[in-house]
Amino acid sequence: MKNIDVKKSRFRDASWFEKVDNFNMPVIIGGAGGIGSWLTLFLARMLPSTGYIFLYDFDRVEEVNMAGQLFEFGHINKSKVVAVEDIVDRFSQYTGLSCQNEKYVKDSLKSPVMFSAFDNMEARKVMFENWKSEAASNPEQAIFIDGRLLAEQLQVFFVTPEHADRYEKEYLFDDSEVPDTNCSYKQTTHFAAAIAAKMVQGFTNWLIKDEVELPFYYEEIGSLFLTNSVE
């Protein structure tokens, strides 16, 4: 019998645990800010170190990021991926994180499993195009999870190959079409952590897709306690 890592002993009876514990496919995360900083830690505390998480971001930590992103004041002026690497090392001891201190572009790494944690549509489009090329050759093992966050509103798209056309046509619009928002109400820590948790929840449900039905779209509006999901 395989020895169970004691750090994972409190969720080893989850229906998805065996799938997660044997998962060895590269995971790519685009963005290490409000969504990606939390998401990387959550995945690192769950996935086996035999796989790899590739994290892309070219930005640096600023004091304003303390409002919602998983950084500490000692990380200010450091690159975000280096800061996340420090957090992952101290809070999970995960050894499979590969940090790419660069912009995610067409020639960047690809995988059938990709998480979009960007704050702009242009980067989402690039990552989605890369994902589509991987999904075409391995559709049964492919999922693109796209998180979009604004203060106390979150949206997550769980895109499998069967939903790819719908996602691209209806939800991949230009940055110019994104409405302007109040600059002092753009991010909260609790919703940044919440959306990362929801993305991980969708990932685990996708791993046991023969047992559960994963929605295509999930939305939560915190100030109204409203939730909405679409198949």
Protein backbone atom coordinates (compact mmCIF):
# COMPACT_ATOMS: atom_id res chain seq x y z
CA MET A 1 0.00 0.00 0.00
CA LYS A 2 1.22 3.47 -0.84
CA ASN A 3 2.30 5.47 2.18
CA ILE A 4 0.05 8.45 2.83
CA ASP A 5 1.76 11.78 3.34
CA VAL A 6 0.75 12.81 6.85
CA LYS A 7 0.26 16.39 5.60
CA LYS A 8 -2.60 15.08 3.48
CA SER A 9 -4.09 12.72 6.03
CA ARG A 10 -7.07 14.95 6.82
CA PHE A 11 -8.45 14.69 3.26
CA ARG A 12 -7.25 11.26 2.17
CA ASP A 13 -10.80 9.86 2.28
CA ALA A 14 -12.09 12.44 -0.19
CA SER A 15 -13.60 10.84 -3.28
CA TRP A 16 -11.03 12.63 -5.44
CA PHE A 17 -7.97 11.95 -3.27
CA GLU A 18 -6.57 9.00 -5.20
CA LYS A 19 -6.88 10.89 -8.50
CA VAL A 20 -5.11 13.90 -7.03
CA ASP A 21 -2.44 11.86 -5.30
CA ASN A 22 -1.54 10.13 -8.57
CA PHE A 23 -1.78 13.24 -10.72
CA ASN A 24 1.46 13.75 -12.66
CA MET A 25 0.51 16.09 -15.49
CA PRO A 26 2.12 19.55 -15.65
CA VAL A 27 -0.16 22.35 -14.46
CA ILE A 28 0.28 25.85 -15.81
CA ILE A 29 -0.95 28.93 -13.94
CA GLY A 30 -1.01 32.29 -15.65
CA GLY A 31 -0.82 35.17 -13.18
CA ALA A 32 0.55 35.34 -9.63
CA GLY A 33 -1.60 38.15 -8.25
CA GLY A 34 -4.93 38.19 -6.44
CA ILE A 35 -6.02 34.82 -7.80
CA GLY A 36 -2.77 33.13 -8.70
CA SER A 37 -0.93 33.69 -5.43
CA TRP A 38 -3.62 31.88 -3.44
CA LEU A 39 -4.28 29.30 -6.16
CA THR A 40 -0.64 28.23 -6.37
CA LEU A 41 -0.46 27.62 -2.63
CA PHE A 42 -3.74 25.68 -2.57
CA LEU A 43 -2.61 23.41 -5.42
CA ALA A 44 0.85 22.98 -3.94
CA ARG A 45 -0.63 21.74 -0.67
CA MET A 46 -2.64 19.13 -2.56
CA LEU A 47 -0.70 17.92 -5.61
CA PRO A 48 2.17 15.43 -5.45
CA SER A 49 5.66 16.83 -5.94
CA THR A 50 6.21 14.32 -8.76
CA GLY A 51 4.25 16.69 -10.99
CA TYR A 52 5.06 20.29 -11.71
CA ILE A 53 3.31 23.63 -11.41
CA PHE A 54 4.58 26.26 -13.83
CA LEU A 55 3.71 29.78 -12.67
CA TYR A 56 3.94 32.77 -15.02
CA ASP A 57 4.02 36.44 -14.06
CA PHE A 58 6.38 39.32 -14.82
CA ASP A 59 5.06 41.80 -12.25
CA ARG A 60 6.51 42.89 -8.90
CA VAL A 61 4.84 43.06 -5.50
CA GLU A 62 3.64 46.53 -4.50
CA GLU A 63 2.25 47.77 -1.20
CA VAL A 64 -1.21 48.11 -2.77
CA ASN A 65 -1.18 44.34 -3.36
CA MET A 66 -1.53 43.78 0.38
CA ALA A 67 -5.25 44.49 -0.07
CA GLY A 68 -5.97 41.10 -1.59
CA GLN A 69 -2.94 39.13 -2.68
CA LEU A 70 -1.12 36.48 -0.67
CA PHE A 71 2.05 38.42 0.05
CA GLU A 72 3.74 39.88 3.10
CA PHE A 73 5.37 43.28 3.43
CA GLY A 74 8.82 41.73 3.12
CA HIS A 75 7.93 40.74 -0.45
CA ILE A 76 7.43 44.33 -1.64
CA ASN A 77 9.57 45.10 -4.72
CA LYS A 78 10.31 41.42 -5.29
CA SER A 79 8.97 39.64 -8.35
CA LYS A 80 5.61 38.05 -7.66
CA VAL A 81 6.70 34.58 -8.73
CA VAL A 82 9.70 34.69 -6.38
CA ALA A 83 7.39 35.81 -3.56
CA VAL A 84 4.94 32.98 -4.29
CA GLU A 85 7.83 30.51 -4.39
CA ASP A 86 8.84 31.67 -0.91
CA ILE A 87 5.29 31.28 0.38
CA VAL A 88 4.89 27.81 -1.13
CA ASP A 89 8.19 26.67 0.33
CA ARG A 90 7.30 27.88 3.82
CA PHE A 91 3.67 26.77 3.87
CA SER A 92 3.69 23.51 1.92
CA GLN A 93 7.28 22.34 1.25
CA TYR A 94 6.13 21.51 -2.27
CA THR A 95 9.18 21.01 -4.49
CA GLY A 96 7.55 20.98 -7.91
CA LEU A 97 6.99 24.71 -8.43
CA SER A 98 8.75 26.22 -11.43
CA CYS A 99 8.53 30.02 -11.52
CA GLN A 100 8.70 31.86 -14.83
CA ASN A 101 9.38 35.55 -14.22
CA GLU A 102 8.07 36.52 -17.64
CA LYS A 103 4.93 37.29 -19.57
CA TYR A 104 2.86 34.35 -20.76
CA VAL A 105 3.02 34.38 -24.59
CA LYS A 106 2.25 32.19 -27.57
CA ASP A 107 5.58 30.35 -27.28
CA SER A 108 5.23 29.69 -23.54
CA LEU A 109 4.74 26.23 -22.10
CA LYS A 110 1.47 24.42 -22.77
CA SER A 111 -0.44 21.70 -20.97
CA PRO A 112 -3.89 20.08 -21.15
CA VAL A 113 -4.46 21.48 -17.63
CA MET A 114 -4.23 25.25 -17.39
CA PHE A 115 -5.46 27.88 -14.96
CA SER A 116 -6.03 31.45 -16.10
CA ALA A 117 -5.58 33.86 -13.19
CA PHE A 118 -4.92 36.93 -15.29
CA ASP A 119 -6.34 40.42 -14.82
CA ASN A 120 -6.72 41.10 -18.55
CA MET A 121 -8.44 39.52 -21.54
CA GLU A 122 -5.46 39.63 -23.89
CA ALA A 123 -3.48 37.22 -21.73
CA ARG A 124 -6.52 34.94 -21.37
CA LYS A 125 -6.85 34.72 -25.14
CA VAL A 126 -3.20 33.76 -25.59
CA MET A 127 -3.37 31.08 -22.91
CA PHE A 128 -6.67 29.73 -24.22
CA GLU A 129 -5.27 29.40 -27.76
CA ASN A 130 -2.31 27.47 -26.38
CA TRP A 131 -4.62 25.26 -24.35
CA LYS A 132 -6.78 24.47 -27.37
CA SER A 133 -3.82 23.01 -29.23
CA GLU A 134 -3.09 20.72 -26.28
CA ALA A 135 -6.75 19.79 -25.76
CA ALA A 136 -7.12 18.75 -29.39
CA SER A 137 -4.60 15.94 -28.93
CA ASN A 138 -5.72 14.90 -25.45
CA PRO A 139 -9.39 15.89 -24.98
CA GLU A 140 -10.16 13.49 -22.14
CA GLN A 141 -7.40 14.97 -19.97
CA ALA A 142 -7.96 18.63 -20.80
CA ILE A 143 -9.49 21.45 -18.78
CA PHE A 144 -9.06 25.23 -18.87
CA ILE A 145 -10.13 26.93 -15.64
CA ASP A 146 -10.55 30.68 -15.96
CA GLY A 147 -11.05 32.82 -12.84
CA ARG A 148 -12.22 36.43 -13.00
CA LEU A 149 -12.34 38.56 -9.88
CA LEU A 150 -13.60 41.97 -8.89
CA ALA A 151 -13.67 42.96 -5.21
CA GLU A 152 -16.65 40.89 -3.98
CA GLN A 153 -17.69 39.27 -7.23
CA LEU A 154 -16.14 36.17 -8.72
CA GLN A 155 -16.68 34.23 -11.92
CA VAL A 156 -15.13 30.89 -12.84
CA PHE A 157 -15.33 29.10 -16.18
CA PHE A 158 -14.62 25.38 -16.22
CA VAL A 159 -13.88 24.87 -19.90
CA THR A 160 -13.59 21.37 -21.32
CA PRO A 161 -13.18 20.70 -25.06
CA GLU A 162 -16.94 20.36 -25.49
CA HIS A 163 -17.41 23.91 -24.18
CA ALA A 164 -14.45 25.50 -25.99
CA ASP A 165 -16.41 27.07 -28.86
CA ARG A 166 -19.04 28.47 -26.52
CA TYR A 167 -16.44 29.97 -24.21
CA GLU A 168 -14.49 31.54 -27.06
CA LYS A 169 -17.49 33.03 -28.85
CA GLU A 170 -19.42 34.31 -25.82
CA TYR A 171 -16.87 35.08 -23.12
CA LEU A 172 -13.52 35.99 -24.69
CA PHE A 173 -14.15 39.64 -25.50
CA ASP A 174 -11.62 42.45 -25.85
CA ASP A 175 -10.17 44.43 -22.95
CA SER A 176 -11.85 47.54 -24.36
CA GLU A 177 -15.22 45.96 -23.60
CA VAL A 178 -14.45 45.52 -19.89
CA PRO A 179 -16.26 48.28 -17.95
CA ASP A 180 -14.22 50.70 -15.85
CA THR A 181 -14.39 50.11 -12.12
CA ASN A 182 -13.81 52.12 -8.96
CA CYS A 183 -10.04 51.97 -8.35
CA SER A 184 -10.63 51.79 -4.58
CA TYR A 185 -12.96 48.77 -4.83
CA LYS A 186 -11.13 46.25 -6.95
CA GLN A 187 -9.83 43.60 -4.59
CA THR A 188 -10.50 41.93 -1.26
CA THR A 189 -8.50 39.24 0.46
CA HIS A 190 -11.48 37.04 1.28
CA PHE A 191 -12.76 36.92 -2.29
CA ALA A 192 -9.29 36.40 -3.73
CA ALA A 193 -8.94 33.34 -1.51
CA ALA A 194 -12.53 32.30 -2.26
CA ILE A 195 -12.11 32.26 -6.03
CA ALA A 196 -8.88 30.26 -5.77
CA ALA A 197 -10.68 27.75 -3.56
CA LYS A 198 -13.55 27.51 -6.04
CA MET A 199 -11.11 26.89 -8.90
CA VAL A 200 -9.44 24.09 -6.95
CA GLN A 201 -12.85 22.65 -6.09
CA GLY A 202 -13.72 22.56 -9.78
CA PHE A 203 -10.41 20.89 -10.55
CA THR A 204 -11.03 18.10 -8.04
CA ASN A 205 -14.58 17.62 -9.34
CA TRP A 206 -13.25 17.41 -12.89
CA LEU A 207 -10.91 14.62 -11.81
CA ILE A 208 -13.93 12.57 -10.76
CA LYS A 209 -16.16 13.74 -13.62
CA ASP A 210 -17.68 10.26 -13.91
CA GLU A 211 -19.19 10.76 -10.45
CA VAL A 212 -20.15 14.45 -10.40
CA GLU A 213 -21.34 17.04 -12.89
CA LEU A 214 -19.09 20.06 -13.24
CA PRO A 215 -20.79 23.34 -14.25
CA PHE A 216 -19.45 25.33 -17.16
CA TYR A 217 -19.84 28.61 -15.28
CA TYR A 218 -19.99 29.60 -11.62
CA GLU A 219 -20.61 33.09 -10.23
CA GLU A 220 -20.81 34.51 -6.73
CA ILE A 221 -21.73 38.04 -5.67
CA GLY A 222 -20.68 38.51 -2.07
CA SER A 223 -22.53 41.66 -1.09
CA LEU A 224 -25.84 40.00 -2.02
CA PHE A 225 -24.94 36.42 -1.09
CA LEU A 226 -25.99 35.36 -4.58
CA THR A 227 -24.62 32.36 -6.45
CA ASN A 228 -25.27 31.21 -9.97
CA SER A 229 -24.03 28.25 -11.99
CA VAL A 230 -24.64 27.31 -15.60
CA GLU A 231 -24.22 23.91 -17.20
